[in-house]
PDB file of N, CA and C in Angstrom:
ATOM      1  N   MET A   1      57.432 149.865 105.319  1.00  0.00           N
ATOM      2  CA  MET A   1      57.165 148.497 104.210  1.00  0.00           C
ATOM      3  C   MET A   1      58.251 149.097 103.187  1.00  0.00           C
ATOM      4  N   ARG A   2      58.818 147.764 102.888  1.00  0.00           N
ATOM      5  CA  ARG A   2      59.177 147.986 101.646  1.00  0.00           C
ATOM      6  C   ARG A   2      58.858 147.295 100.348  1.00  0.00           C
ATOM      7  N   GLU A   3      58.800 146.896  98.604  1.00  0.00           N
ATOM      8  CA  GLU A   3      57.960 147.095  98.019  1.00  0.00           C
ATOM      9  C   GLU A   3      59.044 146.207  96.981  1.00  0.00           C
ATOM     10  N   GLU A   4      59.840 144.602  96.555  1.00  0.00           N
ATOM     11  CA  GLU A   4      59.898 143.886  95.716  1.00  0.00           C
ATOM     12  C   GLU A   4      59.676 143.194  94.909  1.00  0.00           C
ATOM     13  N   GLU A   5      60.196 142.731  94.488  1.00  0.00           N
ATOM     14  CA  GLU A   5      59.964 142.169  92.854  1.00  0.00           C
ATOM     15  C   GLU A   5      60.007 140.530  93.377  1.00  0.00           C
ATOM     16  N   ALA A   6      59.352 139.841  92.754  1.00  0.00           N
ATOM     17  CA  ALA A   6      59.254 138.456  93.267  1.00  0.00           C
ATOM     18  C   ALA A   6      58.714 137.515  92.190  1.00  0.00           C
ATOM     19  N   LEU A   7      59.265 136.311  91.989  1.00  0.00           N
ATOM     20  CA  LEU A   7      58.740 135.447  91.333  1.00  0.00           C
ATOM     21  C   LEU A   7      58.324 134.164  92.185  1.00  0.00           C
ATOM     22  N   ILE A   8      56.294 133.401  91.695  1.00  0.00           N
ATOM     23  CA  ILE A   8      55.786 132.537  92.412  1.00  0.00           C
ATOM     24  C   ILE A   8      56.101 131.451  92.168  1.00  0.00           C
ATOM     25  N   GLN A   9      56.771 130.824  93.360  1.00  0.00           N
ATOM     26  CA  GLN A   9      57.577 129.391  92.665  1.00  0.00           C
ATOM     27  C   GLN A   9      56.617 128.483  92.876  1.00  0.00           C
ATOM     28  N   SER A  10      55.629 128.314  93.400  1.00  0.00           N
ATOM     29  CA  SER A  10      54.582 127.043  93.723  1.00  0.00           C
ATOM     30  C   SER A  10      53.619 128.083  94.241  1.00  0.00           C
ATOM     31  N   THR A  11      52.498 126.915  94.407  1.00  0.00           N
ATOM     32  CA  THR A  11      50.986 126.997  94.429  1.00  0.00           C
ATOM     33  C   THR A  11      50.605 126.298  95.490  1.00  0.00           C
ATOM     34  N   THR A  12      49.433 125.932  96.594  1.00  0.00           N
ATOM     35  CA  THR A  12      49.096 125.175  97.017  1.00  0.00           C
ATOM     36  C   THR A  12      47.336 126.158  97.090  1.00  0.00           C
ATOM     37  N   LEU A  13      46.822 124.942  96.808  1.00  0.00           N
ATOM     38  CA  LEU A  13      45.087 125.329  97.343  1.00  0.00           C
ATOM     39  C   LEU A  13      44.542 123.848  97.429  1.00  0.00           C
ATOM     40  N   GLY A  14      43.745 123.929  98.966  1.00  0.00           N
ATOM     41  CA  GLY A  14      42.834 122.971  99.103  1.00  0.00           C
ATOM     42  C   GLY A  14      42.084 122.734  99.993  1.00  0.00           C
ATOM     43  N   VAL A  15      41.389 121.878 100.914  1.00  0.00           N
ATOM     44  CA  VAL A  15      40.194 122.505 101.913  1.00  0.00           C
ATOM     45  C   VAL A  15      40.772 121.646 103.036  1.00  0.00           C
ATOM     46  N   GLU A  16      40.724 122.327 104.599  1.00  0.00           N
ATOM     47  CA  GLU A  16      41.753 121.606 105.462  1.00  0.00           C
ATOM     48  C   GLU A  16      40.224 120.922 106.543  1.00  0.00           C
ATOM     49  N   ASP A  17      39.310 121.666 106.189  1.00  0.00           N
ATOM     50  CA  ASP A  17      38.084 120.851 107.116  1.00  0.00           C
ATOM     51  C   ASP A  17      36.959 121.273 106.089  1.00  0.00           C
ATOM     52  N   ASP A  18      36.320 119.835 105.765  1.00  0.00           N
ATOM     53  CA  ASP A  18      35.286 119.761 104.976  1.00  0.00           C
ATOM     54  C   ASP A  18      34.411 120.016 105.259  1.00  0.00           C
ATOM     55  N   GLU A  19      33.844 119.563 107.158  1.00  0.00           N
ATOM     56  CA  GLU A  19      32.759 120.685 107.726  1.00  0.00           C
ATOM     57  C   GLU A  19      32.245 121.928 107.709  1.00  0.00           C
ATOM     58  N   HIS A  20      33.311 122.670 108.075  1.00  0.00           N
ATOM     59  CA  HIS A  20      33.648 124.085 107.945  1.00  0.00           C
ATOM     60  C   HIS A  20      34.096 124.559 107.183  1.00  0.00           C
ATOM     61  N   VAL A  21      34.437 124.171 105.771  1.00  0.00           N
ATOM     62  CA  VAL A  21      35.165 124.616 104.520  1.00  0.00           C
ATOM     63  C   VAL A  21      36.165 125.465 104.754  1.00  0.00           C
ATOM     64  N   ILE A  22      36.724 125.519 104.870  1.00  0.00           N
ATOM     65  CA  ILE A  22      38.005 126.479 105.691  1.00  0.00           C
ATOM     66  C   ILE A  22      38.924 126.116 104.279  1.00  0.00           C
ATOM     67  N   CYS A  23      39.481 127.065 103.838  1.00  0.00           N
ATOM     68  CA  CYS A  23      40.101 126.860 102.182  1.00  0.00           C
ATOM     69  C   CYS A  23      41.238 126.820 102.811  1.00  0.00           C
ATOM     70  N   SER A  24      42.717 126.643 102.287  1.00  0.00           N
ATOM     71  CA  SER A  24      44.135 126.917 102.592  1.00  0.00           C
ATOM     72  C   SER A  24      44.452 127.145 101.604  1.00  0.00           C
ATOM     73  N   LEU A  25      45.448 128.276 101.409  1.00  0.00           N
ATOM     74  CA  LEU A  25      45.896 128.408 100.462  1.00  0.00           C
ATOM     75  C   LEU A  25      47.221 128.998 100.596  1.00  0.00           C
ATOM     76  N   SER A  26      48.424 129.276  99.481  1.00  0.00           N
ATOM     77  CA  SER A  26      49.600 129.760  99.912  1.00  0.00           C
ATOM     78  C   SER A  26      50.201 130.000  98.507  1.00  0.00           C
ATOM     79  N   LEU A  27      51.190 130.828  98.155  1.00  0.00           N
ATOM     80  CA  LEU A  27      52.151 130.821  96.843  1.00  0.00           C
ATOM     81  C   LEU A  27      53.424 131.057  97.738  1.00  0.00           C
ATOM     82  N   THR A  28      54.170 130.433  97.527  1.00  0.00           N
ATOM     83  CA  THR A  28      56.039 130.702  97.732  1.00  0.00           C
ATOM     84  C   THR A  28      56.234 131.099  96.830  1.00  0.00           C
ATOM     85  N   MET A  29      56.971 132.420  97.013  1.00  0.00           N
ATOM     86  CA  MET A  29      57.996 133.388  96.063  1.00  0.00           C
ATOM     87  C   MET A  29      59.391 133.419  96.553  1.00  0.00           C
ATOM     88  N   LYS A  30      60.193 133.579  95.506  1.00  0.00           N
ATOM     89  CA  LYS A  30      61.419 133.624  95.538  1.00  0.00           C
ATOM     90  C   LYS A  30      61.901 134.556  94.165  1.00  0.00           C
ATOM     91  N   ASP A  31      62.849 134.904  95.019  1.00  0.00           N
ATOM     92  CA  ASP A  31      63.558 136.516  93.990  1.00  0.00           C
ATOM     93  C   ASP A  31      64.436 137.139  95.066  1.00  0.00           C
ATOM     94  N   TYR A  32      63.975 137.909  95.755  1.00  0.00           N
ATOM     95  CA  TYR A  32      64.590 139.004  97.021  1.00  0.00           C
ATOM     96  C   TYR A  32      64.454 138.225  98.479  1.00  0.00           C
ATOM     97  N   ALA A  33      63.086 137.635  98.194  1.00  0.00           N
ATOM     98  CA  ALA A  33      62.339 137.406  99.461  1.00  0.00           C
ATOM     99  C   ALA A  33      61.792 136.366  99.258  1.00  0.00           C
ATOM    100  N   ARG A  34      62.319 135.050  99.774  1.00  0.00           N
ATOM    101  CA  ARG A  34      61.632 133.594  99.949  1.00  0.00           C
ATOM    102  C   ARG A  34      60.623 133.906 101.443  1.00  0.00           C
ATOM    103  N   ASP A  35      59.477 133.529 100.295  1.00  0.00           N
ATOM    104  CA  ASP A  35      58.477 133.491 101.881  1.00  0.00           C
ATOM    105  C   ASP A  35      57.194 133.394 101.280  1.00  0.00           C
ATOM    106  N   ASN A  36      56.365 132.936 102.233  1.00  0.00           N
ATOM    107  CA  ASN A  36      54.924 132.678 101.644  1.00  0.00           C
ATOM    108  C   ASN A  36      53.494 133.862 101.679  1.00  0.00           C
ATOM    109  N   PHE A  37      52.525 133.518 101.108  1.00  0.00           N
ATOM    110  CA  PHE A  37      51.879 134.607 101.444  1.00  0.00           C
ATOM    111  C   PHE A  37      50.258 133.760 100.982  1.00  0.00           C
ATOM    112  N   GLY A  38      49.519 133.658 101.795  1.00  0.00           N
ATOM    113  CA  GLY A  38      48.163 132.782 102.406  1.00  0.00           C
ATOM    114  C   GLY A  38      47.728 132.926 103.639  1.00  0.00           C
ATOM    115  N   GLY A  39      47.446 131.824 103.629  1.00  0.00           N
ATOM    116  CA  GLY A  39      46.929 130.822 104.839  1.00  0.00           C
ATOM    117  C   GLY A  39      45.901 130.034 105.008  1.00  0.00           C
ATOM    118  N   SER A  40      44.449 130.201 105.517  1.00  0.00           N
ATOM    119  CA  SER A  40      43.708 129.367 105.683  1.00  0.00           C
ATOM    120  C   SER A  40      42.295 130.517 106.294  1.00  0.00           C
ATOM    121  N   VAL A  41      41.234 130.712 105.573  1.00  0.00           N
ATOM    122  CA  VAL A  41      40.097 131.488 104.967  1.00  0.00           C
ATOM    123  C   VAL A  41      38.834 130.308 104.792  1.00  0.00           C
ATOM    124  N   GLN A  42      37.468 130.930 106.250  1.00  0.00           N
ATOM    125  CA  GLN A  42      36.765 130.388 105.703  1.00  0.00           C
ATOM    126  C   GLN A  42      35.664 131.078 104.269  1.00  0.00           C
ATOM    127  N   ASN A  43      34.956 130.222 104.052  1.00  0.00           N
ATOM    128  CA  ASN A  43      33.540 129.906 102.889  1.00  0.00           C
ATOM    129  C   ASN A  43      33.566 131.314 102.251  1.00  0.00           C
ATOM    130  N   ASP A  44      33.043 132.174 102.432  1.00  0.00           N
ATOM    131  CA  ASP A  44      33.183 133.791 100.785  1.00  0.00           C
ATOM    132  C   ASP A  44      34.657 133.963 100.838  1.00  0.00           C
ATOM    133  N   TYR A  45      35.286 134.177 102.307  1.00  0.00           N
ATOM    134  CA  TYR A  45      36.299 134.637 102.299  1.00  0.00           C
ATOM    135  C   TYR A  45      37.508 134.298 101.492  1.00  0.00           C
ATOM    136  N   GLY A  46      37.546 132.965 101.453  1.00  0.00           N
ATOM    137  CA  GLY A  46      38.508 131.923 100.874  1.00  0.00           C
ATOM    138  C   GLY A  46      38.078 132.615  98.745  1.00  0.00           C
ATOM    139  N   ILE A  47      36.814 132.503  98.803  1.00  0.00           N
ATOM    140  CA  ILE A  47      36.728 133.015  96.929  1.00  0.00           C
ATOM    141  C   ILE A  47      37.380 134.433  96.956  1.00  0.00           C
ATOM    142  N   ALA A  48      37.001 135.731  97.762  1.00  0.00           N
ATOM    143  CA  ALA A  48      37.116 136.683  97.862  1.00  0.00           C
ATOM    144  C   ALA A  48      39.037 137.034  98.197  1.00  0.00           C
ATOM    145  N   PHE A  49      39.601 136.125  98.663  1.00  0.00           N
ATOM    146  CA  PHE A  49      41.075 136.167  98.687  1.00  0.00           C
ATOM    147  C   PHE A  49      41.607 135.215  96.867  1.00  0.00           C
ATOM    148  N   ILE A  50      41.071 134.281  96.837  1.00  0.00           N
ATOM    149  CA  ILE A  50      41.734 133.810  95.487  1.00  0.00           C
ATOM    150  C   ILE A  50      41.227 134.796  94.495  1.00  0.00           C
ATOM    151  N   ARG A  51      40.499 135.315  94.376  1.00  0.00           N
ATOM    152  CA  ARG A  51      39.903 136.431  93.156  1.00  0.00           C
ATOM    153  C   ARG A  51      41.212 137.525  93.493  1.00  0.00           C
ATOM    154  N   GLY A  52      40.986 138.140  95.040  1.00  0.00           N
ATOM    155  CA  GLY A  52      41.751 139.313  94.515  1.00  0.00           C
ATOM    156  C   GLY A  52      43.415 139.338  94.226  1.00  0.00           C
ATOM    157  N   VAL A  53      43.888 137.610  94.079  1.00  0.00           N
ATOM    158  CA  VAL A  53      45.185 137.095  94.268  1.00  0.00           C
ATOM    159  C   VAL A  53      45.427 137.446  92.763  1.00  0.00           C
ATOM    160  N   LEU A  54      44.768 137.151  92.251  1.00  0.00           N
ATOM    161  CA  LEU A  54      44.093 136.181  90.536  1.00  0.00           C
ATOM    162  C   LEU A  54      43.974 137.903  89.958  1.00  0.00           C
ATOM    163  N   ASN A  55      43.595 138.685  89.964  1.00  0.00           N
ATOM    164  CA  ASN A  55      43.274 139.862  89.328  1.00  0.00           C
ATOM    165  C   ASN A  55      44.439 140.766  89.791  1.00  0.00           C
ATOM    166  N   ALA A  56      45.309 140.523  90.931  1.00  0.00           N
ATOM    167  CA  ALA A  56      46.628 141.543  91.000  1.00  0.00           C
ATOM    168  C   ALA A  56      47.529 141.034  90.343  1.00  0.00           C
ATOM    169  N   VAL A  57      47.681 139.645  90.245  1.00  0.00           N
ATOM    170  CA  VAL A  57      48.973 139.841  89.366  1.00  0.00           C
ATOM    171  C   VAL A  57      48.282 138.622  87.838  1.00  0.00           C
ATOM    172  N   GLY A  58      46.813 139.646  87.554  1.00  0.00           N
ATOM    173  CA  GLY A  58      46.737 139.586  86.092  1.00  0.00           C
ATOM    174  C   GLY A  58      46.614 137.931  85.187  1.00  0.00           C
ATOM    175  N   VAL A  59      46.056 136.919  85.922  1.00  0.00           N
ATOM    176  CA  VAL A  59      45.820 135.671  85.776  1.00  0.00           C
ATOM    177  C   VAL A  59      44.485 135.049  86.000  1.00  0.00           C
ATOM    178  N   GLU A  60      43.797 134.328  85.283  1.00  0.00           N
ATOM    179  CA  GLU A  60      42.825 133.580  85.156  1.00  0.00           C
ATOM    180  C   GLU A  60      42.311 132.203  86.059  1.00  0.00           C
ATOM    181  N   LEU A  61      43.498 131.480  86.363  1.00  0.00           N
ATOM    182  CA  LEU A  61      43.152 130.619  87.116  1.00  0.00           C
ATOM    183  C   LEU A  61      44.593 130.278  87.877  1.00  0.00           C
ATOM    184  N   TRP A  62      44.151 130.000  89.358  1.00  0.00           N
ATOM    185  CA  TRP A  62      45.204 129.732  90.226  1.00  0.00           C
ATOM    186  C   TRP A  62      46.585 128.716  89.484  1.00  0.00           C
ATOM    187  N   GLU A  63      46.427 127.982  89.222  1.00  0.00           N
ATOM    188  CA  GLU A  63      47.302 127.104  88.565  1.00  0.00           C
ATOM    189  C   GLU A  63      48.166 128.091  88.129  1.00  0.00           C
ATOM    190  N   ASP A  64      47.467 129.275  86.613  1.00  0.00           N
ATOM    191  CA  ASP A  64      48.540 130.106  85.826  1.00  0.00           C
ATOM    192  C   ASP A  64      49.670 130.638  87.116  1.00  0.00           C
ATOM    193  N   LEU A  65      49.564 131.252  88.221  1.00  0.00           N
ATOM    194  CA  LEU A  65      50.106 131.745  89.370  1.00  0.00           C
ATOM    195  C   LEU A  65      51.944 131.137  89.028  1.00  0.00           C
ATOM    196  N   LYS A  66      52.198 130.141  89.101  1.00  0.00           N
ATOM    197  CA  LYS A  66      53.125 129.425  89.287  1.00  0.00           C
ATOM    198  C   LYS A  66      54.241 130.164  87.707  1.00  0.00           C
ATOM    199  N   GLY A  67      55.069 130.451  88.295  1.00  0.00           N
ATOM    200  CA  GLY A  67      56.330 131.089  87.008  1.00  0.00           C
ATOM    201  C   GLY A  67      56.012 132.545  87.279  1.00  0.00           C
ATOM    202  N   ARG A  68      55.136 132.715  87.509  1.00  0.00           N
ATOM    203  CA  ARG A  68      54.814 134.582  87.308  1.00  0.00           C
ATOM    204  C   ARG A  68      55.426 135.509  87.607  1.00  0.00           C
ATOM    205  N   ARG A  69      56.001 136.901  87.244  1.00  0.00           N
ATOM    206  CA  ARG A  69      56.017 137.705  88.176  1.00  0.00           C
ATOM    207  C   ARG A  69      55.457 138.592  88.818  1.00  0.00           C
ATOM    208  N   CYS A  70      55.557 138.935  89.892  1.00  0.00           N
ATOM    209  CA  CYS A  70      55.102 140.118  90.843  1.00  0.00           C
ATOM    210  C   CYS A  70      55.731 140.755  91.652  1.00  0.00           C
ATOM    211  N   ARG A  71      55.159 142.068  92.255  1.00  0.00           N
ATOM    212  CA  ARG A  71      55.842 142.741  93.586  1.00  0.00           C
ATOM    213  C   ARG A  71      55.173 142.302  94.750  1.00  0.00           C
ATOM    214  N   VAL A  72      55.697 142.622  95.555  1.00  0.00           N
ATOM    215  CA  VAL A  72      55.126 142.442  97.452  1.00  0.00           C
ATOM    216  C   VAL A  72      55.230 143.597  97.883  1.00  0.00           C
ATOM    217  N   ARG A  73      54.682 143.836  98.941  1.00  0.00           N
ATOM    218  CA  ARG A  73      54.809 144.779  99.901  1.00  0.00           C
ATOM    219  C   ARG A  73      54.882 144.355 101.086  1.00  0.00           C
ATOM    220  N   ARG A  74      56.093 144.340 101.897  1.00  0.00           N
ATOM    221  CA  ARG A  74      56.644 143.283 102.598  1.00  0.00           C
ATOM    222  C   ARG A  74      57.430 144.245 103.725  1.00  0.00           C
ATOM    223  N   ASP A  75      57.525 143.907 105.303  1.00  0.00           N
ATOM    224  CA  ASP A  75      57.921 144.918 106.085  1.00  0.00           C
ATOM    225  C   ASP A  75      58.944 143.343 106.536  1.00  0.00           C
ATOM    226  N   CYS A  76      59.785 143.107 107.831  1.00  0.00           N
ATOM    227  CA  CYS A  76      60.852 142.083 108.440  1.00  0.00           C
ATOM    228  C   CYS A  76      60.110 140.579 108.331  1.00  0.00           C
ATOM    229  N   LEU A  77      58.612 140.846 108.316  1.00  0.00           N
ATOM    230  CA  LEU A  77      58.092 139.757 109.114  1.00  0.00           C
ATOM    231  C   LEU A  77      57.060 139.146 108.103  1.00  0.00           C
ATOM    232  N   LYS A  78      56.728 139.471 107.090  1.00  0.00           N
ATOM    233  CA  LYS A  78      55.461 139.603 106.622  1.00  0.00           C
ATOM    234  C   LYS A  78      55.162 139.617 105.081  1.00  0.00           C
ATOM    235  N   ILE A  79      55.113 139.389 104.289  1.00  0.00           N
ATOM    236  CA  ILE A  79      53.992 139.694 102.755  1.00  0.00           C
ATOM    237  C   ILE A  79      52.446 140.454 103.181  1.00  0.00           C
ATOM    238  N   HIS A  80      52.807 141.452 103.117  1.00  0.00           N
ATOM    239  CA  HIS A  80      51.474 141.876 103.625  1.00  0.00           C
ATOM    240  C   HIS A  80      50.291 142.591 102.007  1.00  0.00           C
ATOM    241  N   ALA A  81      50.858 142.665 100.681  1.00  0.00           N
ATOM    242  CA  ALA A  81      49.908 142.600  99.210  1.00  0.00           C
ATOM    243  C   ALA A  81      50.598 142.039  98.752  1.00  0.00           C
ATOM    244  N   ILE A  82      50.467 142.054  97.608  1.00  0.00           N
ATOM    245  CA  ILE A  82      50.674 141.511  95.710  1.00  0.00           C
ATOM    246  C   ILE A  82      50.483 141.573  95.129  1.00  0.00           C
ATOM    247  N   GLY A  83      51.077 142.247  94.288  1.00  0.00           N
ATOM    248  CA  GLY A  83      50.754 143.360  93.000  1.00  0.00           C
ATOM    249  C   GLY A  83      50.985 142.647  91.662  1.00  0.00           C
ATOM    250  N   HIS A  84      50.800 143.557  90.758  1.00  0.00           N
ATOM    251  CA  HIS A  84      50.976 142.746  89.440  1.00  0.00           C
ATOM    252  C   HIS A  84      52.745 143.592  89.127  1.00  0.00           C
ATOM    253  N   PHE A  85      53.215 143.009  88.301  1.00  0.00           N
ATOM    254  CA  PHE A  85      54.749 143.014  87.850  1.00  0.00           C
ATOM    255  C   PHE A  85      54.917 144.531  87.556  1.00  0.00           C
ATOM    256  N   SER A  86      53.935 144.794  86.172  1.00  0.00           N
ATOM    257  CA  SER A  86      54.252 146.311  85.844  1.00  0.00           C
ATOM    258  C   SER A  86      53.409 147.267  85.945  1.00  0.00           C
ATOM    259  N   GLU A  87      52.066 146.731  86.431  1.00  0.00           N
ATOM    260  CA  GLU A  87      50.737 147.561  86.363  1.00  0.00           C
ATOM    261  C   GLU A  87      50.570 147.931  87.885  1.00  0.00           C
ATOM    262  N   ASP A  88      49.889 149.450  87.916  1.00  0.00           N
ATOM    263  CA  ASP A  88      49.712 149.315  89.353  1.00  0.00           C
ATOM    264  C   ASP A  88      48.153 148.961  90.126  1.00  0.00           C
ATOM    265  N   ARG A  89      48.468 147.942  90.345  1.00  0.00           N
ATOM    266  CA  ARG A  89      47.255 146.972  91.069  1.00  0.00           C
ATOM    267  C   ARG A  89      47.343 145.906  91.709  1.00  0.00           C
ATOM    268  N   TRP A  90      46.877 146.131  93.483  1.00  0.00           N
ATOM    269  CA  TRP A  90      47.557 145.724  94.111  1.00  0.00           C
ATOM    270  C   TRP A  90      46.202 144.491  95.197  1.00  0.00           C
ATOM    271  N   PHE A  91      46.363 143.783  96.166  1.00  0.00           N
ATOM    272  CA  PHE A  91      45.896 143.013  96.919  1.00  0.00           C
ATOM    273  C   PHE A  91      45.928 143.113  97.914  1.00  0.00           C
ATOM    274  N   ASN A  92      45.625 143.637  99.070  1.00  0.00           N
ATOM    275  CA  ASN A  92      46.497 143.575 100.343  1.00  0.00           C
ATOM    276  C   ASN A  92      44.617 143.182 101.264  1.00  0.00           C
ATOM    277  N   PRO A  93      44.474 141.887 101.431  1.00  0.00           N
ATOM    278  CA  PRO A  93      43.582 141.494 102.370  1.00  0.00           C
ATOM    279  C   PRO A  93      43.521 141.766 103.630  1.00  0.00           C
ATOM    280  N   GLU A  94      44.172 142.587 104.198  1.00  0.00           N
ATOM    281  CA  GLU A  94      43.930 143.282 105.645  1.00  0.00           C
ATOM    282  C   GLU A  94      43.273 144.183 104.812  1.00  0.00           C
ATOM    283  N   THR A  95      43.437 144.786 103.943  1.00  0.00           N
ATOM    284  CA  THR A  95      42.736 146.008 103.604  1.00  0.00           C
ATOM    285  C   THR A  95      41.493 145.990 102.674  1.00  0.00           C
ATOM    286  N   ASP A  96      41.333 145.259 102.045  1.00  0.00           N
ATOM    287  CA  ASP A  96      40.599 144.708 100.876  1.00  0.00           C
ATOM    288  C   ASP A  96      39.428 144.005 100.958  1.00  0.00           C
ATOM    289  N   MET A  97      39.767 143.089 102.302  1.00  0.00           N
ATOM    290  CA  MET A  97      38.684 142.101 103.047  1.00  0.00           C
ATOM    291  C   MET A  97      37.842 142.768 104.193  1.00  0.00           C
ATOM    292  N   ARG A  98      37.991 144.246 103.949  1.00  0.00           N
ATOM    293  CA  ARG A  98      37.085 144.241 105.077  1.00  0.00           C
ATOM    294  C   ARG A  98      35.578 144.059 105.413  1.00  0.00           C
TER     295      ARG A  98
END
């Protein structure tokens, strides 16, 4: 897994299924890697995912993510974690949301 700098180019946040409250979110990043980070999560996991991303990048509002520099840990297939640009603060949903 490698670590790279990235720029959050755009964000989305919405609800896919009103009945089951499925939160859909993504970050599109540009610089060394143009890729998406996010997915669809249910209920409390959606809130935990949002909080994890906001805390890692160092902002309080989802809307403030756009234009922020960050770091990503990735392999050739996907981004596994997002981190603060200069501090050692990371969010990896696979390990942090167990």
